[in-house]
């Protein structure tokens, strides 16, 4: 997952962008959370069967935040949602 972020091999859902705006977060905050945070939970989507990871980390201002990410069909990381903790 980190390598995909480093190589810009990820996409963000519209919902993730909405939540970023609502919580005053940036793409840099999301990237930092994934690159320096840790996976605290893995959940299987009941509808699709895909695995999602909950990552806790820090935004660029060191405030705690979380990102939910999964792997898309083409192997890209998909940022599903983001939120402040």
PDB file of N, CA and C in Angstrom:
ATOM      1  N   UNK A   1       0.820  -1.180   0.000  1.00  0.00           N
ATOM      2  CA  UNK A   1       0.000   0.000   0.000  1.00  0.00           C
ATOM      3  C   UNK A   1       0.875   1.259   0.000  1.00  0.00           C
ATOM      4  N   UNK A   2       1.888   1.264   0.824  1.00  0.00           N
ATOM      5  CA  UNK A   2       2.785   2.426   0.869  1.00  0.00           C
ATOM      6  C   UNK A   2       3.478   2.645  -0.468  1.00  0.00           C
ATOM      7  N   UNK A   3       3.896   1.557  -1.095  1.00  0.00           N
ATOM      8  CA  UNK A   3       4.571   1.687  -2.388  1.00  0.00           C
ATOM      9  C   UNK A   3       3.618   2.281  -3.429  1.00  0.00           C
ATOM     10  N   UNK A   4       2.365   1.909  -3.371  1.00  0.00           N
ATOM     11  CA  UNK A   4       1.390   2.472  -4.312  1.00  0.00           C
ATOM     12  C   UNK A   4       1.225   3.975  -4.092  1.00  0.00           C
ATOM     13  N   UNK A   5       1.245   4.397  -2.839  1.00  0.00           N
ATOM     14  CA  UNK A   5       1.148   5.833  -2.557  1.00  0.00           C
ATOM     15  C   UNK A   5       2.407   6.541  -3.040  1.00  0.00           C
ATOM     16  N   UNK A   6       3.564   5.953  -2.761  1.00  0.00           N
ATOM     17  CA  UNK A   6       4.826   6.572  -3.198  1.00  0.00           C
ATOM     18  C   UNK A   6       4.889   6.727  -4.713  1.00  0.00           C
ATOM     19  N   UNK A   7       4.330   5.771  -5.437  1.00  0.00           N
ATOM     20  CA  UNK A   7       4.404   5.791  -6.902  1.00  0.00           C
ATOM     21  C   UNK A   7       3.153   6.405  -7.547  1.00  0.00           C
ATOM     22  N   UNK A   8       2.317   7.035  -6.721  1.00  0.00           N
ATOM     23  CA  UNK A   8       1.077   7.647  -7.198  1.00  0.00           C
ATOM     24  C   UNK A   8       0.140   6.608  -7.810  1.00  0.00           C
ATOM     25  N   UNK A   9       0.202   5.392  -7.317  1.00  0.00           N
ATOM     26  CA  UNK A   9      -0.633   4.304  -7.808  1.00  0.00           C
ATOM     27  C   UNK A   9      -1.904   4.154  -6.993  1.00  0.00           C
ATOM     28  N   UNK A  10      -2.587   5.268  -6.776  1.00  0.00           N
ATOM     29  CA  UNK A  10      -3.829   5.211  -6.013  1.00  0.00           C
ATOM     30  C   UNK A  10      -4.850   6.186  -6.591  1.00  0.00           C
ATOM     31  N   UNK A  11      -6.097   5.946  -6.247  1.00  0.00           N
ATOM     32  CA  UNK A  11      -7.194   6.841  -6.612  1.00  0.00           C
ATOM     33  C   UNK A  11      -8.021   7.090  -5.359  1.00  0.00           C
ATOM     34  N   UNK A  12      -8.788   8.163  -5.390  1.00  0.00           N
ATOM     35  CA  UNK A  12      -9.654   8.494  -4.260  1.00  0.00           C
ATOM     36  C   UNK A  12     -11.101   8.530  -4.726  1.00  0.00           C
ATOM     37  N   UNK A  13     -11.985   8.011  -3.908  1.00  0.00           N
ATOM     38  CA  UNK A  13     -13.407   8.044  -4.235  1.00  0.00           C
ATOM     39  C   UNK A  13     -13.949   9.458  -4.029  1.00  0.00           C
ATOM     40  N   UNK A  14     -15.087   9.720  -4.633  1.00  0.00           N
ATOM     41  CA  UNK A  14     -15.755  10.995  -4.410  1.00  0.00           C
ATOM     42  C   UNK A  14     -16.079  11.200  -2.944  1.00  0.00           C
ATOM     43  N   UNK A  15     -16.460  10.117  -2.275  1.00  0.00           N
ATOM     44  CA  UNK A  15     -16.759  10.201  -0.844  1.00  0.00           C
ATOM     45  C   UNK A  15     -15.522  10.625  -0.057  1.00  0.00           C
ATOM     46  N   UNK A  16     -14.364  10.076  -0.404  1.00  0.00           N
ATOM     47  CA  UNK A  16     -13.127  10.450   0.288  1.00  0.00           C
ATOM     48  C   UNK A  16     -12.846  11.940   0.112  1.00  0.00           C
ATOM     49  N   UNK A  17     -13.043  12.458  -1.099  1.00  0.00           N
ATOM     50  CA  UNK A  17     -12.841  13.896  -1.328  1.00  0.00           C
ATOM     51  C   UNK A  17     -13.817  14.730  -0.498  1.00  0.00           C
ATOM     52  N   UNK A  18     -15.068  14.284  -0.413  1.00  0.00           N
ATOM     53  CA  UNK A  18     -16.062  15.008   0.388  1.00  0.00           C
ATOM     54  C   UNK A  18     -15.657  15.040   1.857  1.00  0.00           C
ATOM     55  N   UNK A  19     -15.200  13.906   2.365  1.00  0.00           N
ATOM     56  CA  UNK A  19     -14.790  13.836   3.765  1.00  0.00           C
ATOM     57  C   UNK A  19     -13.527  14.654   4.023  1.00  0.00           C
ATOM     58  N   UNK A  20     -12.607  14.660   3.057  1.00  0.00           N
ATOM     59  CA  UNK A  20     -11.414  15.504   3.197  1.00  0.00           C
ATOM     60  C   UNK A  20     -11.825  16.963   3.344  1.00  0.00           C
ATOM     61  N   UNK A  21     -12.725  17.402   2.494  1.00  0.00           N
ATOM     62  CA  UNK A  21     -13.174  18.793   2.543  1.00  0.00           C
ATOM     63  C   UNK A  21     -13.883  19.092   3.866  1.00  0.00           C
ATOM     64  N   UNK A  22     -14.747  18.184   4.305  1.00  0.00           N
ATOM     65  CA  UNK A  22     -15.490  18.388   5.550  1.00  0.00           C
ATOM     66  C   UNK A  22     -14.565  18.473   6.760  1.00  0.00           C
ATOM     67  N   UNK A  23     -13.469  17.715   6.737  1.00  0.00           N
ATOM     68  CA  UNK A  23     -12.529  17.692   7.864  1.00  0.00           C
ATOM     69  C   UNK A  23     -11.320  18.586   7.637  1.00  0.00           C
ATOM     70  N   UNK A  24     -11.337  19.372   6.559  1.00  0.00           N
ATOM     71  CA  UNK A  24     -10.245  20.295   6.232  1.00  0.00           C
ATOM     72  C   UNK A  24      -8.911  19.554   6.091  1.00  0.00           C
ATOM     73  N   UNK A  25      -8.944  18.425   5.381  1.00  0.00           N
ATOM     74  CA  UNK A  25      -7.744  17.626   5.125  1.00  0.00           C
ATOM     75  C   UNK A  25      -7.322  17.796   3.671  1.00  0.00           C
ATOM     76  N   UNK A  26      -6.063  17.483   3.394  1.00  0.00           N
ATOM     77  CA  UNK A  26      -5.529  17.567   2.038  1.00  0.00           C
ATOM     78  C   UNK A  26      -5.035  16.197   1.590  1.00  0.00           C
ATOM     79  N   UNK A  27      -4.699  16.105   0.326  1.00  0.00           N
ATOM     80  CA  UNK A  27      -4.103  14.873  -0.200  1.00  0.00           C
ATOM     81  C   UNK A  27      -2.798  14.578   0.534  1.00  0.00           C
ATOM     82  N   UNK A  28      -2.053  15.618   0.886  1.00  0.00           N
ATOM     83  CA  UNK A  28      -0.797  15.417   1.612  1.00  0.00           C
ATOM     84  C   UNK A  28      -1.048  14.788   2.978  1.00  0.00           C
ATOM     85  N   UNK A  29      -2.150  15.171   3.640  1.00  0.00           N
ATOM     86  CA  UNK A  29      -2.506  14.564   4.920  1.00  0.00           C
ATOM     87  C   UNK A  29      -2.795  13.077   4.741  1.00  0.00           C
ATOM     88  N   UNK A  30      -3.560  12.748   3.705  1.00  0.00           N
ATOM     89  CA  UNK A  30      -3.914  11.350   3.435  1.00  0.00           C
ATOM     90  C   UNK A  30      -2.659  10.535   3.135  1.00  0.00           C
ATOM     91  N   UNK A  31      -1.788  11.067   2.296  1.00  0.00           N
ATOM     92  CA  UNK A  31      -0.545  10.359   1.972  1.00  0.00           C
ATOM     93  C   UNK A  31       0.312  10.154   3.215  1.00  0.00           C
ATOM     94  N   UNK A  32       0.433  11.185   4.049  1.00  0.00           N
ATOM     95  CA  UNK A  32       1.259  11.047   5.254  1.00  0.00           C
ATOM     96  C   UNK A  32       0.673   9.994   6.192  1.00  0.00           C
ATOM     97  N   UNK A  33      -0.640   9.987   6.342  1.00  0.00           N
ATOM     98  CA  UNK A  33      -1.289   8.997   7.200  1.00  0.00           C
ATOM     99  C   UNK A  33      -0.940   7.583   6.750  1.00  0.00           C
ATOM    100  N   UNK A  34      -1.029   7.330   5.463  1.00  0.00           N
ATOM    101  CA  UNK A  34      -0.737   5.988   4.948  1.00  0.00           C
ATOM    102  C   UNK A  34       0.748   5.670   5.049  1.00  0.00           C
ATOM    103  N   UNK A  35       1.596   6.630   4.720  1.00  0.00           N
ATOM    104  CA  UNK A  35       3.042   6.376   4.689  1.00  0.00           C
ATOM    105  C   UNK A  35       3.654   6.201   6.070  1.00  0.00           C
ATOM    106  N   UNK A  36       3.080   6.838   7.089  1.00  0.00           N
ATOM    107  CA  UNK A  36       3.688   6.769   8.424  1.00  0.00           C
ATOM    108  C   UNK A  36       2.799   6.091   9.453  1.00  0.00           C
ATOM    109  N   UNK A  37       1.553   5.787   9.075  1.00  0.00           N
ATOM    110  CA  UNK A  37       0.615   5.190  10.020  1.00  0.00           C
ATOM    111  C   UNK A  37       0.719   3.677  10.059  1.00  0.00           C
ATOM    112  N   UNK A  38      -0.263   3.081  10.703  1.00  0.00           N
ATOM    113  CA  UNK A  38      -0.281   1.619  10.805  1.00  0.00           C
ATOM    114  C   UNK A  38      -1.690   1.088  10.569  1.00  0.00           C
ATOM    115  N   UNK A  39      -1.744  -0.113  10.018  1.00  0.00           N
ATOM    116  CA  UNK A  39      -3.023  -0.781   9.806  1.00  0.00           C
ATOM    117  C   UNK A  39      -3.506  -1.274  11.161  1.00  0.00           C
ATOM    118  N   UNK A  40      -4.693  -0.815  11.569  1.00  0.00           N
ATOM    119  CA  UNK A  40      -5.228  -1.214  12.868  1.00  0.00           C
ATOM    120  C   UNK A  40      -6.365  -2.219  12.739  1.00  0.00           C
ATOM    121  N   UNK A  41      -6.904  -2.370  11.537  1.00  0.00           N
ATOM    122  CA  UNK A  41      -7.992  -3.324  11.344  1.00  0.00           C
ATOM    123  C   UNK A  41      -8.112  -3.672   9.866  1.00  0.00           C
ATOM    124  N   UNK A  42      -8.558  -4.885   9.608  1.00  0.00           N
ATOM    125  CA  UNK A  42      -8.877  -5.327   8.250  1.00  0.00           C
ATOM    126  C   UNK A  42     -10.304  -5.843   8.282  1.00  0.00           C
ATOM    127  N   UNK A  43     -11.089  -5.427   7.292  1.00  0.00           N
ATOM    128  CA  UNK A  43     -12.486  -5.831   7.238  1.00  0.00           C
ATOM    129  C   UNK A  43     -12.810  -6.298   5.830  1.00  0.00           C
ATOM    130  N   UNK A  44     -13.635  -7.330   5.745  1.00  0.00           N
ATOM    131  CA  UNK A  44     -14.058  -7.806   4.430  1.00  0.00           C
ATOM    132  C   UNK A  44     -15.418  -7.207   4.095  1.00  0.00           C
ATOM    133  N   UNK A  45     -15.506  -6.579   2.940  1.00  0.00           N
ATOM    134  CA  UNK A  45     -16.757  -5.983   2.486  1.00  0.00           C
ATOM    135  C   UNK A  45     -17.760  -7.101   2.243  1.00  0.00           C
ATOM    136  N   UNK A  46     -18.905  -7.032   2.895  1.00  0.00           N
ATOM    137  CA  UNK A  46     -19.896  -8.103   2.782  1.00  0.00           C
ATOM    138  C   UNK A  46     -20.515  -8.175   1.391  1.00  0.00           C
ATOM    139  N   UNK A  47     -20.565  -7.050   0.705  1.00  0.00           N
ATOM    140  CA  UNK A  47     -21.179  -7.027  -0.627  1.00  0.00           C
ATOM    141  C   UNK A  47     -20.222  -7.538  -1.697  1.00  0.00           C
ATOM    142  N   UNK A  48     -18.966  -7.054  -1.674  1.00  0.00           N
ATOM    143  CA  UNK A  48     -18.021  -7.377  -2.750  1.00  0.00           C
ATOM    144  C   UNK A  48     -17.009  -8.453  -2.381  1.00  0.00           C
ATOM    145  N   UNK A  49     -16.811  -8.672  -1.083  1.00  0.00           N
ATOM    146  CA  UNK A  49     -15.797  -9.626  -0.646  1.00  0.00           C
ATOM    147  C   UNK A  49     -14.395  -9.043  -0.604  1.00  0.00           C
ATOM    148  N   UNK A  50     -14.242  -7.791  -1.029  1.00  0.00           N
ATOM    149  CA  UNK A  50     -12.920  -7.146  -1.031  1.00  0.00           C
ATOM    150  C   UNK A  50     -12.493  -6.813   0.398  1.00  0.00           C
ATOM    151  N   UNK A  51     -11.192  -6.852   0.624  1.00  0.00           N
ATOM    152  CA  UNK A  51     -10.648  -6.506   1.932  1.00  0.00           C
ATOM    153  C   UNK A  51     -10.349  -5.022   1.986  1.00  0.00           C
ATOM    154  N   UNK A  52     -10.721  -4.402   3.110  1.00  0.00           N
ATOM    155  CA  UNK A  52     -10.439  -2.993   3.354  1.00  0.00           C
ATOM    156  C   UNK A  52      -9.547  -2.901   4.583  1.00  0.00           C
ATOM    157  N   UNK A  53      -8.626  -1.957   4.552  1.00  0.00           N
ATOM    158  CA  UNK A  53      -7.735  -1.730   5.688  1.00  0.00           C
ATOM    159  C   UNK A  53      -8.042  -0.384   6.311  1.00  0.00           C
ATOM    160  N   UNK A  54      -8.096  -0.358   7.634  1.00  0.00           N
ATOM    161  CA  UNK A  54      -8.237   0.884   8.379  1.00  0.00           C
ATOM    162  C   UNK A  54      -6.849   1.278   8.860  1.00  0.00           C
ATOM    163  N   UNK A  55      -6.381   2.436   8.414  1.00  0.00           N
ATOM    164  CA  UNK A  55      -5.046   2.922   8.747  1.00  0.00           C
ATOM    165  C   UNK A  55      -5.179   4.126   9.667  1.00  0.00           C
ATOM    166  N   UNK A  56      -4.532   4.064  10.830  1.00  0.00           N
ATOM    167  CA  UNK A  56      -4.456   5.216  11.727  1.00  0.00           C
ATOM    168  C   UNK A  56      -3.082   5.841  11.577  1.00  0.00           C
ATOM    169  N   UNK A  57      -3.051   7.156  11.487  1.00  0.00           N
ATOM    170  CA  UNK A  57      -1.793   7.881  11.365  1.00  0.00           C
ATOM    171  C   UNK A  57      -2.015   9.344  11.677  1.00  0.00           C
ATOM    172  N   UNK A  58      -1.084  10.171  11.256  1.00  0.00           N
ATOM    173  CA  UNK A  58      -1.159  11.600  11.540  1.00  0.00           C
ATOM    174  C   UNK A  58      -1.224  12.402  10.254  1.00  0.00           C
ATOM    175  N   UNK A  59      -1.969  13.509  10.322  1.00  0.00           N
ATOM    176  CA  UNK A  59      -1.997  14.480   9.235  1.00  0.00           C
ATOM    177  C   UNK A  59      -0.696  15.279   9.277  1.00  0.00           C
ATOM    178  N   UNK A  60      -0.511  16.166   8.333  1.00  0.00           N
ATOM    179  CA  UNK A  60       0.730  16.950   8.273  1.00  0.00           C
ATOM    180  C   UNK A  60       0.889  17.880   9.469  1.00  0.00           C
ATOM    181  N   UNK A  61      -0.211  18.211  10.151  1.00  0.00           N
ATOM    182  CA  UNK A  61      -0.110  19.039  11.362  1.00  0.00           C
ATOM    183  C   UNK A  61      -0.049  18.188  12.626  1.00  0.00           C
ATOM    184  N   UNK A  62       0.206  16.892  12.458  1.00  0.00           N
ATOM    185  CA  UNK A  62       0.331  15.904  13.536  1.00  0.00           C
ATOM    186  C   UNK A  62      -0.983  15.559  14.229  1.00  0.00           C
ATOM    187  N   UNK A  63      -2.115  16.000  13.709  1.00  0.00           N
ATOM    188  CA  UNK A  63      -3.388  15.599  14.298  1.00  0.00           C
ATOM    189  C   UNK A  63      -3.710  14.173  13.851  1.00  0.00           C
ATOM    190  N   UNK A  64      -4.284  13.366  14.754  1.00  0.00           N
ATOM    191  CA  UNK A  64      -4.585  11.975  14.405  1.00  0.00           C
ATOM    192  C   UNK A  64      -5.728  11.886  13.401  1.00  0.00           C
ATOM    193  N   UNK A  65      -5.571  10.986  12.455  1.00  0.00           N
ATOM    194  CA  UNK A  65      -6.589  10.778  11.428  1.00  0.00           C
ATOM    195  C   UNK A  65      -6.594   9.315  11.019  1.00  0.00           C
ATOM    196  N   UNK A  66      -7.563   8.958  10.183  1.00  0.00           N
ATOM    197  CA  UNK A  66      -7.666   7.584   9.696  1.00  0.00           C
ATOM    198  C   UNK A  66      -8.041   7.585   8.222  1.00  0.00           C
ATOM    199  N   UNK A  67      -7.642   6.515   7.552  1.00  0.00           N
ATOM    200  CA  UNK A  67      -7.931   6.308   6.137  1.00  0.00           C
ATOM    201  C   UNK A  67      -8.420   4.874   5.967  1.00  0.00           C
ATOM    202  N   UNK A  68      -9.462   4.691   5.183  1.00  0.00           N
ATOM    203  CA  UNK A  68      -9.904   3.350   4.800  1.00  0.00           C
ATOM    204  C   UNK A  68      -9.493   3.161   3.350  1.00  0.00           C
ATOM    205  N   UNK A  69      -8.739   2.092   3.100  1.00  0.00           N
ATOM    206  CA  UNK A  69      -8.188   1.857   1.763  1.00  0.00           C
ATOM    207  C   UNK A  69      -8.384   0.395   1.374  1.00  0.00           C
ATOM    208  N   UNK A  70      -8.599   0.160   0.094  1.00  0.00           N
ATOM    209  CA  UNK A  70      -8.734  -1.188  -0.444  1.00  0.00           C
ATOM    210  C   UNK A  70      -7.942  -1.260  -1.743  1.00  0.00           C
ATOM    211  N   UNK A  71      -7.806  -2.435  -2.287  1.00  0.00           N
ATOM    212  CA  UNK A  71      -7.151  -2.589  -3.584  1.00  0.00           C
ATOM    213  C   UNK A  71      -8.206  -2.706  -4.667  1.00  0.00           C
ATOM    214  N   UNK A  72      -8.053  -1.918  -5.704  1.00  0.00           N
ATOM    215  CA  UNK A  72      -8.978  -1.956  -6.827  1.00  0.00           C
ATOM    216  C   UNK A  72      -8.657  -3.104  -7.763  1.00  0.00           C
ATOM    217  N   UNK A  73      -9.506  -3.345  -8.745  1.00  0.00           N
ATOM    218  CA  UNK A  73      -9.321  -4.471  -9.664  1.00  0.00           C
ATOM    219  C   UNK A  73      -8.050  -4.375 -10.505  1.00  0.00           C
ATOM    220  N   UNK A  74      -7.523  -3.183 -10.694  1.00  0.00           N
ATOM    221  CA  UNK A  74      -6.298  -3.013 -11.481  1.00  0.00           C
ATOM    222  C   UNK A  74      -5.054  -2.941 -10.593  1.00  0.00           C
ATOM    223  N   UNK A  75      -5.210  -3.263  -9.303  1.00  0.00           N
ATOM    224  CA  UNK A  75      -4.073  -3.264  -8.395  1.00  0.00           C
ATOM    225  C   UNK A  75      -3.737  -1.911  -7.795  1.00  0.00           C
ATOM    226  N   UNK A  76      -4.551  -0.912  -8.088  1.00  0.00           N
ATOM    227  CA  UNK A  76      -4.325   0.409  -7.499  1.00  0.00           C
ATOM    228  C   UNK A  76      -4.978   0.469  -6.127  1.00  0.00           C
ATOM    229  N   UNK A  77      -4.372   1.230  -5.233  1.00  0.00           N
ATOM    230  CA  UNK A  77      -4.995   1.474  -3.941  1.00  0.00           C
ATOM    231  C   UNK A  77      -6.169   2.423  -4.154  1.00  0.00           C
ATOM    232  N   UNK A  78      -7.270   2.143  -3.492  1.00  0.00           N
ATOM    233  CA  UNK A  78      -8.453   2.998  -3.578  1.00  0.00           C
ATOM    234  C   UNK A  78      -8.726   3.552  -2.184  1.00  0.00           C
ATOM    235  N   UNK A  79      -8.615   4.872  -2.051  1.00  0.00           N
ATOM    236  CA  UNK A  79      -8.910   5.535  -0.788  1.00  0.00           C
ATOM    237  C   UNK A  79     -10.427   5.680  -0.721  1.00  0.00           C
ATOM    238  N   UNK A  80     -11.050   4.946   0.199  1.00  0.00           N
ATOM    239  CA  UNK A  80     -12.504   4.897   0.292  1.00  0.00           C
ATOM    240  C   UNK A  80     -13.043   6.080   1.086  1.00  0.00           C
ATOM    241  N   UNK A  81     -12.431   6.344   2.235  1.00  0.00           N
ATOM    242  CA  UNK A  81     -12.845   7.467   3.068  1.00  0.00           C
ATOM    243  C   UNK A  81     -11.696   7.879   3.969  1.00  0.00           C
ATOM    244  N   UNK A  82     -11.810   9.068   4.524  1.00  0.00           N
ATOM    245  CA  UNK A  82     -10.816   9.604   5.458  1.00  0.00           C
ATOM    246  C   UNK A  82     -11.573  10.337   6.554  1.00  0.00           C
ATOM    247  N   UNK A  83     -10.983  10.398   7.749  1.00  0.00           N
ATOM    248  CA  UNK A  83     -11.630  11.143   8.826  1.00  0.00           C
ATOM    249  C   UNK A  83     -10.634  11.458   9.934  1.00  0.00           C
ATOM    250  N   UNK A  84     -10.981  12.490  10.699  1.00  0.00           N
ATOM    251  CA  UNK A  84     -10.192  12.904  11.854  1.00  0.00           C
ATOM    252  C   UNK A  84     -10.565  11.999  13.022  1.00  0.00           C
ATOM    253  N   UNK A  85      -9.587  11.633  13.819  1.00  0.00           N
ATOM    254  CA  UNK A  85      -9.858  10.821  15.016  1.00  0.00           C
ATOM    255  C   UNK A  85     -10.044  11.716  16.227  1.00  0.00           C
TER     256      UNK A  85
END
